[in-house]
All heavy atoms as atom14 arrays in JSON, in Angstrom:
{
  "sequence": "TLTGEETVLIVEMFGSTTSQTLAVVSEVPPTSPSAVVAKAEK",
  "atom14_mask": [
    [1, 1, 1, 1, 1, 1, 1, 0, 0, 0, 0, 0, 0, 0],
    [1, 1, 1, 1, 1, 1, 1, 1, 0, 0, 0, 0, 0, 0],
    [1, 1, 1, 1, 1, 1, 1, 0, 0, 0, 0, 0, 0, 0],
    [1, 1, 1, 1, 0, 0, 0, 0, 0, 0, 0, 0, 0, 0],
    [1, 1, 1, 1, 1, 1, 1, 1, 1, 0, 0, 0, 0, 0],
    [1, 1, 1, 1, 1, 1, 1, 1, 1, 0, 0, 0, 0, 0],
    [1, 1, 1, 1, 1, 1, 1, 0, 0, 0, 0, 0, 0, 0],
    [1, 1, 1, 1, 1, 1, 1, 0, 0, 0, 0, 0, 0, 0],
    [1, 1, 1, 1, 1, 1, 1, 1, 0, 0, 0, 0, 0, 0],
    [1, 1, 1, 1, 1, 1, 1, 1, 0, 0, 0, 0, 0, 0],
    [1, 1, 1, 1, 1, 1, 1, 0, 0, 0, 0, 0, 0, 0],
    [1, 1, 1, 1, 1, 1, 1, 1, 1, 0, 0, 0, 0, 0],
    [1, 1, 1, 1, 1, 1, 1, 1, 0, 0, 0, 0, 0, 0],
    [1, 1, 1, 1, 1, 1, 1, 1, 1, 1, 1, 0, 0, 0],
    [1, 1, 1, 1, 0, 0, 0, 0, 0, 0, 0, 0, 0, 0],
    [1, 1, 1, 1, 1, 1, 0, 0, 0, 0, 0, 0, 0, 0],
    [1, 1, 1, 1, 1, 1, 1, 0, 0, 0, 0, 0, 0, 0],
    [1, 1, 1, 1, 1, 1, 1, 0, 0, 0, 0, 0, 0, 0],
    [1, 1, 1, 1, 1, 1, 0, 0, 0, 0, 0, 0, 0, 0],
    [1, 1, 1, 1, 1, 1, 1, 1, 1, 0, 0, 0, 0, 0],
    [1, 1, 1, 1, 1, 1, 1, 0, 0, 0, 0, 0, 0, 0],
    [1, 1, 1, 1, 1, 1, 1, 1, 0, 0, 0, 0, 0, 0],
    [1, 1, 1, 1, 1, 0, 0, 0, 0, 0, 0, 0, 0, 0],
    [1, 1, 1, 1, 1, 1, 1, 0, 0, 0, 0, 0, 0, 0],
    [1, 1, 1, 1, 1, 1, 1, 0, 0, 0, 0, 0, 0, 0],
    [1, 1, 1, 1, 1, 1, 0, 0, 0, 0, 0, 0, 0, 0],
    [1, 1, 1, 1, 1, 1, 1, 1, 1, 0, 0, 0, 0, 0],
    [1, 1, 1, 1, 1, 1, 1, 0, 0, 0, 0, 0, 0, 0],
    [1, 1, 1, 1, 1, 1, 1, 0, 0, 0, 0, 0, 0, 0],
    [1, 1, 1, 1, 1, 1, 1, 0, 0, 0, 0, 0, 0, 0],
    [1, 1, 1, 1, 1, 1, 1, 0, 0, 0, 0, 0, 0, 0],
    [1, 1, 1, 1, 1, 1, 0, 0, 0, 0, 0, 0, 0, 0],
    [1, 1, 1, 1, 1, 1, 1, 0, 0, 0, 0, 0, 0, 0],
    [1, 1, 1, 1, 1, 1, 0, 0, 0, 0, 0, 0, 0, 0],
    [1, 1, 1, 1, 1, 0, 0, 0, 0, 0, 0, 0, 0, 0],
    [1, 1, 1, 1, 1, 1, 1, 0, 0, 0, 0, 0, 0, 0],
    [1, 1, 1, 1, 1, 1, 1, 0, 0, 0, 0, 0, 0, 0],
    [1, 1, 1, 1, 1, 0, 0, 0, 0, 0, 0, 0, 0, 0],
    [1, 1, 1, 1, 1, 1, 1, 1, 1, 0, 0, 0, 0, 0],
    [1, 1, 1, 1, 1, 0, 0, 0, 0, 0, 0, 0, 0, 0],
    [1, 1, 1, 1, 1, 1, 1, 1, 1, 0, 0, 0, 0, 0],
    [1, 1, 1, 1, 1, 1, 1, 1, 1, 0, 0, 0, 0, 0]
  ],
  "atom14_positions": [
    [[101.05, 85.05, 32.75], [102.05, 85.72, 31.93], [101.62, 87.18, 31.72], [100.55, 87.44, 31.19], [102.21, 85.01, 30.59], [102.62, 83.66, 30.82], [103.29, 85.69, 29.77], [0.0, 0.0, 0.0], [0.0, 0.0, 0.0], [0.0, 0.0, 0.0], [0.0, 0.0, 0.0], [0.0, 0.0, 0.0], [0.0, 0.0, 0.0], [0.0, 0.0, 0.0]],
    [[102.47, 88.1, 32.18], [102.19, 89.52, 32.05], [103.36, 90.19, 31.32], [104.52, 90.02, 31.73], [101.96, 90.15, 33.41], [101.47, 91.62, 33.42], [100.08, 91.68, 32.94], [101.57, 92.16, 34.83], [0.0, 0.0, 0.0], [0.0, 0.0, 0.0], [0.0, 0.0, 0.0], [0.0, 0.0, 0.0], [0.0, 0.0, 0.0], [0.0, 0.0, 0.0]],
    [[103.06, 90.97, 30.27], [104.1, 91.62, 29.47], [105.2, 90.63, 29.06], [106.38, 90.96, 29.11], [104.68, 92.86, 30.18], [105.31, 92.44, 31.44], [103.61, 93.87, 30.48], [0.0, 0.0, 0.0], [0.0, 0.0, 0.0], [0.0, 0.0, 0.0], [0.0, 0.0, 0.0], [0.0, 0.0, 0.0], [0.0, 0.0, 0.0], [0.0, 0.0, 0.0]],
    [[104.83, 89.42, 28.69], [105.74, 88.44, 28.19], [106.56, 87.71, 29.26], [107.49, 86.96, 28.93], [0.0, 0.0, 0.0], [0.0, 0.0, 0.0], [0.0, 0.0, 0.0], [0.0, 0.0, 0.0], [0.0, 0.0, 0.0], [0.0, 0.0, 0.0], [0.0, 0.0, 0.0], [0.0, 0.0, 0.0], [0.0, 0.0, 0.0], [0.0, 0.0, 0.0]],
    [[106.24, 87.9, 30.52], [107.02, 87.3, 31.6], [106.12, 86.45, 32.49], [105.02, 86.87, 32.92], [107.65, 88.41, 32.47], [108.39, 87.91, 33.68], [108.84, 89.05, 34.59], [108.4, 90.21, 34.38], [109.63, 88.76, 35.54], [0.0, 0.0, 0.0], [0.0, 0.0, 0.0], [0.0, 0.0, 0.0], [0.0, 0.0, 0.0], [0.0, 0.0, 0.0]],
    [[106.57, 85.21, 32.76], [105.83, 84.36, 33.68], [106.03, 84.99, 35.1], [107.12, 85.2, 35.54], [106.35, 82.96, 33.63], [105.59, 82.01, 34.56], [106.27, 80.67, 34.77], [107.28, 80.45, 34.13], [105.77, 79.9, 35.6], [0.0, 0.0, 0.0], [0.0, 0.0, 0.0], [0.0, 0.0, 0.0], [0.0, 0.0, 0.0], [0.0, 0.0, 0.0]],
    [[104.88, 85.17, 35.79], [105.0, 85.83, 37.08], [103.82, 85.44, 37.95], [102.95, 84.65, 37.57], [105.04, 87.34, 36.9], [105.32, 88.01, 38.13], [103.69, 87.88, 36.38], [0.0, 0.0, 0.0], [0.0, 0.0, 0.0], [0.0, 0.0, 0.0], [0.0, 0.0, 0.0], [0.0, 0.0, 0.0], [0.0, 0.0, 0.0], [0.0, 0.0, 0.0]],
    [[103.79, 85.95, 39.14], [102.69, 85.76, 40.1], [102.18, 87.14, 40.49], [102.96, 87.95, 41.01], [103.1, 84.99, 41.33], [101.94, 84.84, 42.29], [103.62, 83.63, 40.96], [0.0, 0.0, 0.0], [0.0, 0.0, 0.0], [0.0, 0.0, 0.0], [0.0, 0.0, 0.0], [0.0, 0.0, 0.0], [0.0, 0.0, 0.0], [0.0, 0.0, 0.0]],
    [[100.92, 87.43, 40.26], [100.32, 88.71, 40.65], [99.69, 88.56, 42.02], [98.99, 87.58, 42.28], [99.23, 89.13, 39.68], [99.67, 89.34, 38.23], [98.48, 89.9, 37.4], [100.83, 90.31, 38.13], [0.0, 0.0, 0.0], [0.0, 0.0, 0.0], [0.0, 0.0, 0.0], [0.0, 0.0, 0.0], [0.0, 0.0, 0.0], [0.0, 0.0, 0.0]],
    [[99.96, 89.52, 42.93], [99.38, 89.5, 44.27], [98.62, 90.84, 44.44], [99.22, 91.91, 44.33], [100.44, 89.33, 45.35], [101.22, 88.05, 45.13], [99.79, 89.33, 46.74], [102.38, 87.86, 46.03], [0.0, 0.0, 0.0], [0.0, 0.0, 0.0], [0.0, 0.0, 0.0], [0.0, 0.0, 0.0], [0.0, 0.0, 0.0], [0.0, 0.0, 0.0]],
    [[97.33, 90.74, 44.58], [96.49, 91.91, 44.79], [95.93, 91.92, 46.2], [95.4, 90.91, 46.67], [95.31, 91.92, 43.78], [94.48, 93.17, 43.95], [95.85, 91.85, 42.34], [0.0, 0.0, 0.0], [0.0, 0.0, 0.0], [0.0, 0.0, 0.0], [0.0, 0.0, 0.0], [0.0, 0.0, 0.0], [0.0, 0.0, 0.0], [0.0, 0.0, 0.0]],
    [[96.05, 93.07, 46.87], [95.53, 93.22, 48.22], [94.51, 94.37, 48.22], [94.87, 95.48, 47.83], [96.72, 93.58, 49.17], [96.32, 93.72, 50.61], [97.52, 94.02, 51.49], [98.44, 94.76, 51.03], [97.59, 93.53, 52.64], [0.0, 0.0, 0.0], [0.0, 0.0, 0.0], [0.0, 0.0, 0.0], [0.0, 0.0, 0.0], [0.0, 0.0, 0.0]],
    [[93.28, 94.08, 48.58], [92.22, 95.02, 48.61], [91.82, 95.34, 50.05], [91.55, 94.38, 50.83], [91.0, 94.53, 47.85], [91.18, 94.4, 46.34], [91.12, 96.02, 45.52], [90.82, 95.48, 43.84], [0.0, 0.0, 0.0], [0.0, 0.0, 0.0], [0.0, 0.0, 0.0], [0.0, 0.0, 0.0], [0.0, 0.0, 0.0], [0.0, 0.0, 0.0]],
    [[91.79, 96.58, 50.45], [91.36, 96.98, 51.79], [89.97, 97.6, 51.71], [89.58, 98.19, 50.7], [92.33, 98.03, 52.35], [93.79, 97.56, 52.41], [94.64, 97.78, 51.38], [94.26, 96.94, 53.56], [95.96, 97.4, 51.42], [95.59, 96.52, 53.62], [96.42, 96.76, 52.56], [0.0, 0.0, 0.0], [0.0, 0.0, 0.0], [0.0, 0.0, 0.0]],
    [[89.24, 97.53, 52.83], [87.94, 98.17, 52.85], [87.36, 98.32, 54.27], [87.83, 97.65, 55.21], [0.0, 0.0, 0.0], [0.0, 0.0, 0.0], [0.0, 0.0, 0.0], [0.0, 0.0, 0.0], [0.0, 0.0, 0.0], [0.0, 0.0, 0.0], [0.0, 0.0, 0.0], [0.0, 0.0, 0.0], [0.0, 0.0, 0.0], [0.0, 0.0, 0.0]],
    [[86.41, 99.14, 54.37], [85.61, 99.26, 55.61], [84.22, 99.76, 55.21], [84.02, 100.37, 54.16], [86.27, 100.25, 56.6], [86.31, 101.53, 56.09], [0.0, 0.0, 0.0], [0.0, 0.0, 0.0], [0.0, 0.0, 0.0], [0.0, 0.0, 0.0], [0.0, 0.0, 0.0], [0.0, 0.0, 0.0], [0.0, 0.0, 0.0], [0.0, 0.0, 0.0]],
    [[83.29, 99.54, 56.1], [81.91, 99.92, 55.8], [81.32, 100.76, 56.94], [80.11, 100.8, 57.12], [81.03, 98.65, 55.65], [81.11, 97.87, 56.82], [81.48, 97.83, 54.44], [0.0, 0.0, 0.0], [0.0, 0.0, 0.0], [0.0, 0.0, 0.0], [0.0, 0.0, 0.0], [0.0, 0.0, 0.0], [0.0, 0.0, 0.0], [0.0, 0.0, 0.0]],
    [[82.19, 101.44, 57.69], [81.72, 102.06, 58.93], [82.04, 103.55, 59.03], [81.89, 104.13, 60.09], [82.35, 101.36, 60.14], [83.77, 101.42, 60.0], [81.86, 99.97, 60.25], [0.0, 0.0, 0.0], [0.0, 0.0, 0.0], [0.0, 0.0, 0.0], [0.0, 0.0, 0.0], [0.0, 0.0, 0.0], [0.0, 0.0, 0.0], [0.0, 0.0, 0.0]],
    [[82.49, 104.2, 57.93], [82.8, 105.64, 57.99], [82.01, 106.37, 56.96], [81.67, 105.83, 55.92], [84.31, 105.81, 57.79], [84.61, 107.21, 57.76], [0.0, 0.0, 0.0], [0.0, 0.0, 0.0], [0.0, 0.0, 0.0], [0.0, 0.0, 0.0], [0.0, 0.0, 0.0], [0.0, 0.0, 0.0], [0.0, 0.0, 0.0], [0.0, 0.0, 0.0]],
    [[81.74, 107.64, 57.25], [80.97, 108.46, 56.32], [81.86, 109.58, 55.83], [81.95, 110.65, 56.39], [79.74, 109.04, 57.0], [78.81, 108.02, 57.54], [78.19, 107.14, 56.46], [77.83, 107.66, 55.41], [78.09, 105.86, 56.7], [0.0, 0.0, 0.0], [0.0, 0.0, 0.0], [0.0, 0.0, 0.0], [0.0, 0.0, 0.0], [0.0, 0.0, 0.0]],
    [[82.61, 109.34, 54.7], [83.51, 110.32, 54.15], [83.34, 110.38, 52.65], [82.71, 109.55, 52.04], [84.97, 109.98, 54.52], [85.2, 108.61, 54.19], [85.23, 110.18, 56.0], [0.0, 0.0, 0.0], [0.0, 0.0, 0.0], [0.0, 0.0, 0.0], [0.0, 0.0, 0.0], [0.0, 0.0, 0.0], [0.0, 0.0, 0.0], [0.0, 0.0, 0.0]],
    [[84.0, 111.39, 52.02], [83.89, 111.56, 50.6], [84.92, 110.77, 49.86], [85.97, 110.45, 50.41], [84.0, 113.08, 50.28], [82.94, 113.98, 50.89], [83.22, 115.43, 50.57], [81.53, 113.6, 50.36], [0.0, 0.0, 0.0], [0.0, 0.0, 0.0], [0.0, 0.0, 0.0], [0.0, 0.0, 0.0], [0.0, 0.0, 0.0], [0.0, 0.0, 0.0]],
    [[84.68, 110.54, 48.56], [85.6, 109.75, 47.75], [86.8, 110.6, 47.34], [86.66, 111.69, 46.84], [84.9, 109.24, 46.5], [0.0, 0.0, 0.0], [0.0, 0.0, 0.0], [0.0, 0.0, 0.0], [0.0, 0.0, 0.0], [0.0, 0.0, 0.0], [0.0, 0.0, 0.0], [0.0, 0.0, 0.0], [0.0, 0.0, 0.0], [0.0, 0.0, 0.0]],
    [[88.01, 110.04, 47.51], [89.25, 110.65, 47.03], [90.22, 109.57, 46.57], [90.1, 108.44, 47.02], [89.95, 111.51, 48.14], [89.09, 112.67, 48.53], [90.3, 110.66, 49.31], [0.0, 0.0, 0.0], [0.0, 0.0, 0.0], [0.0, 0.0, 0.0], [0.0, 0.0, 0.0], [0.0, 0.0, 0.0], [0.0, 0.0, 0.0], [0.0, 0.0, 0.0]],
    [[91.14, 109.92, 45.73], [92.23, 109.04, 45.32], [93.55, 109.75, 45.63], [93.73, 110.88, 45.27], [92.16, 108.71, 43.81], [93.34, 107.88, 43.39], [90.85, 107.99, 43.46], [0.0, 0.0, 0.0], [0.0, 0.0, 0.0], [0.0, 0.0, 0.0], [0.0, 0.0, 0.0], [0.0, 0.0, 0.0], [0.0, 0.0, 0.0], [0.0, 0.0, 0.0]],
    [[94.45, 109.04, 46.3], [95.71, 109.65, 46.71], [96.57, 109.9, 45.5], [96.62, 109.13, 44.53], [96.49, 108.69, 47.67], [96.89, 107.56, 47.0], [0.0, 0.0, 0.0], [0.0, 0.0, 0.0], [0.0, 0.0, 0.0], [0.0, 0.0, 0.0], [0.0, 0.0, 0.0], [0.0, 0.0, 0.0], [0.0, 0.0, 0.0], [0.0, 0.0, 0.0]],
    [[97.31, 110.98, 45.49], [98.23, 111.33, 44.41], [99.64, 110.94, 44.85], [100.11, 111.32, 45.89], [98.21, 112.83, 44.13], [96.86, 113.34, 43.59], [96.58, 112.76, 42.22], [97.51, 112.45, 41.5], [95.38, 112.65, 41.86], [0.0, 0.0, 0.0], [0.0, 0.0, 0.0], [0.0, 0.0, 0.0], [0.0, 0.0, 0.0], [0.0, 0.0, 0.0]],
    [[100.32, 110.16, 44.03], [101.65, 109.67, 44.31], [102.53, 109.96, 43.14], [102.11, 109.78, 41.99], [101.65, 108.15, 44.63], [103.04, 107.7, 45.02], [100.65, 107.83, 45.74], [0.0, 0.0, 0.0], [0.0, 0.0, 0.0], [0.0, 0.0, 0.0], [0.0, 0.0, 0.0], [0.0, 0.0, 0.0], [0.0, 0.0, 0.0], [0.0, 0.0, 0.0]],
    [[103.79, 110.49, 43.31], [104.63, 110.74, 42.16], [104.81, 109.5, 41.34], [105.0, 108.38, 41.85], [105.98, 111.14, 42.86], [105.58, 111.62, 44.19], [104.37, 110.8, 44.6], [0.0, 0.0, 0.0], [0.0, 0.0, 0.0], [0.0, 0.0, 0.0], [0.0, 0.0, 0.0], [0.0, 0.0, 0.0], [0.0, 0.0, 0.0], [0.0, 0.0, 0.0]],
    [[104.81, 109.61, 39.96], [104.89, 108.45, 39.1], [106.2, 107.76, 39.18], [106.33, 106.6, 38.7], [104.65, 109.04, 37.7], [104.99, 110.48, 37.83], [104.63, 110.88, 39.22], [0.0, 0.0, 0.0], [0.0, 0.0, 0.0], [0.0, 0.0, 0.0], [0.0, 0.0, 0.0], [0.0, 0.0, 0.0], [0.0, 0.0, 0.0], [0.0, 0.0, 0.0]],
    [[107.26, 108.39, 39.67], [108.55, 107.78, 39.73], [108.77, 106.87, 40.94], [109.77, 106.21, 41.06], [109.67, 108.85, 39.78], [109.4, 109.74, 40.88], [109.68, 109.65, 38.48], [0.0, 0.0, 0.0], [0.0, 0.0, 0.0], [0.0, 0.0, 0.0], [0.0, 0.0, 0.0], [0.0, 0.0, 0.0], [0.0, 0.0, 0.0], [0.0, 0.0, 0.0]],
    [[107.8, 106.86, 41.85], [107.92, 105.98, 43.04], [106.78, 104.95, 43.05], [105.73, 105.16, 42.44], [107.83, 106.85, 44.32], [106.59, 107.47, 44.4], [0.0, 0.0, 0.0], [0.0, 0.0, 0.0], [0.0, 0.0, 0.0], [0.0, 0.0, 0.0], [0.0, 0.0, 0.0], [0.0, 0.0, 0.0], [0.0, 0.0, 0.0], [0.0, 0.0, 0.0]],
    [[106.97, 103.82, 43.77], [105.87, 102.88, 43.86], [104.63, 103.52, 44.46], [104.74, 104.37, 45.36], [106.42, 101.8, 44.83], [107.91, 101.94, 44.72], [108.15, 103.41, 44.48], [0.0, 0.0, 0.0], [0.0, 0.0, 0.0], [0.0, 0.0, 0.0], [0.0, 0.0, 0.0], [0.0, 0.0, 0.0], [0.0, 0.0, 0.0], [0.0, 0.0, 0.0]],
    [[103.48, 103.19, 43.93], [102.27, 103.87, 44.42], [101.23, 102.93, 44.93], [101.14, 101.78, 44.53], [101.67, 104.67, 43.23], [101.31, 103.79, 42.2], [0.0, 0.0, 0.0], [0.0, 0.0, 0.0], [0.0, 0.0, 0.0], [0.0, 0.0, 0.0], [0.0, 0.0, 0.0], [0.0, 0.0, 0.0], [0.0, 0.0, 0.0], [0.0, 0.0, 0.0]],
    [[100.48, 103.38, 45.89], [99.31, 102.62, 46.39], [98.13, 103.54, 46.21], [98.27, 104.77, 46.14], [99.5, 102.26, 47.84], [0.0, 0.0, 0.0], [0.0, 0.0, 0.0], [0.0, 0.0, 0.0], [0.0, 0.0, 0.0], [0.0, 0.0, 0.0], [0.0, 0.0, 0.0], [0.0, 0.0, 0.0], [0.0, 0.0, 0.0], [0.0, 0.0, 0.0]],
    [[96.91, 103.01, 46.16], [95.76, 103.82, 45.96], [94.81, 103.7, 47.14], [94.65, 102.62, 47.66], [95.02, 103.33, 44.65], [93.75, 104.15, 44.41], [95.95, 103.44, 43.45], [0.0, 0.0, 0.0], [0.0, 0.0, 0.0], [0.0, 0.0, 0.0], [0.0, 0.0, 0.0], [0.0, 0.0, 0.0], [0.0, 0.0, 0.0], [0.0, 0.0, 0.0]],
    [[94.22, 104.8, 47.5], [93.19, 104.78, 48.57], [91.96, 105.51, 48.1], [92.05, 106.46, 47.3], [93.7, 105.44, 49.87], [94.7, 104.53, 50.58], [94.33, 106.8, 49.58], [0.0, 0.0, 0.0], [0.0, 0.0, 0.0], [0.0, 0.0, 0.0], [0.0, 0.0, 0.0], [0.0, 0.0, 0.0], [0.0, 0.0, 0.0], [0.0, 0.0, 0.0]],
    [[90.79, 105.11, 48.55], [89.56, 105.76, 48.15], [88.55, 105.73, 49.28], [88.6, 104.88, 50.17], [88.98, 105.11, 46.92], [0.0, 0.0, 0.0], [0.0, 0.0, 0.0], [0.0, 0.0, 0.0], [0.0, 0.0, 0.0], [0.0, 0.0, 0.0], [0.0, 0.0, 0.0], [0.0, 0.0, 0.0], [0.0, 0.0, 0.0], [0.0, 0.0, 0.0]],
    [[87.6, 106.69, 49.27], [86.5, 106.7, 50.22], [85.23, 107.06, 49.48], [85.21, 107.86, 48.6], [86.79, 107.76, 51.31], [88.11, 107.56, 52.04], [88.36, 108.71, 52.97], [89.71, 108.64, 53.65], [89.96, 109.78, 54.55], [0.0, 0.0, 0.0], [0.0, 0.0, 0.0], [0.0, 0.0, 0.0], [0.0, 0.0, 0.0], [0.0, 0.0, 0.0]],
    [[84.13, 106.52, 49.89], [82.83, 106.87, 49.31], [81.72, 106.45, 50.23], [81.88, 105.49, 51.01], [82.66, 106.23, 47.93], [0.0, 0.0, 0.0], [0.0, 0.0, 0.0], [0.0, 0.0, 0.0], [0.0, 0.0, 0.0], [0.0, 0.0, 0.0], [0.0, 0.0, 0.0], [0.0, 0.0, 0.0], [0.0, 0.0, 0.0], [0.0, 0.0, 0.0]],
    [[80.59, 107.11, 50.18], [79.46, 106.75, 51.02], [78.73, 105.57, 50.5], [78.26, 105.56, 49.37], [78.48, 107.95, 51.14], [78.97, 109.07, 52.02], [77.87, 110.02, 52.33], [76.67, 109.61, 52.41], [78.15, 111.19, 52.55], [0.0, 0.0, 0.0], [0.0, 0.0, 0.0], [0.0, 0.0, 0.0], [0.0, 0.0, 0.0], [0.0, 0.0, 0.0]],
    [[78.62, 104.5, 51.31], [77.86, 103.3, 50.97], [77.32, 102.67, 52.24], [77.75, 102.92, 53.34], [78.75, 102.27, 50.26], [79.26, 102.72, 48.89], [78.16, 102.74, 47.85], [78.69, 103.16, 46.5], [77.64, 103.19, 45.48], [0.0, 0.0, 0.0], [0.0, 0.0, 0.0], [0.0, 0.0, 0.0], [0.0, 0.0, 0.0], [0.0, 0.0, 0.0]]
  ]
}
């Protein structure tokens, strides 16, 4: 139950461990559906 509504949450996590890049978060207008991407050295 989320915000008073019975529902099903589906979370999809993506990843890779083979690139050497810096961490960033994509900027998406708040009025449209948004997805998040990030990069960091590990």
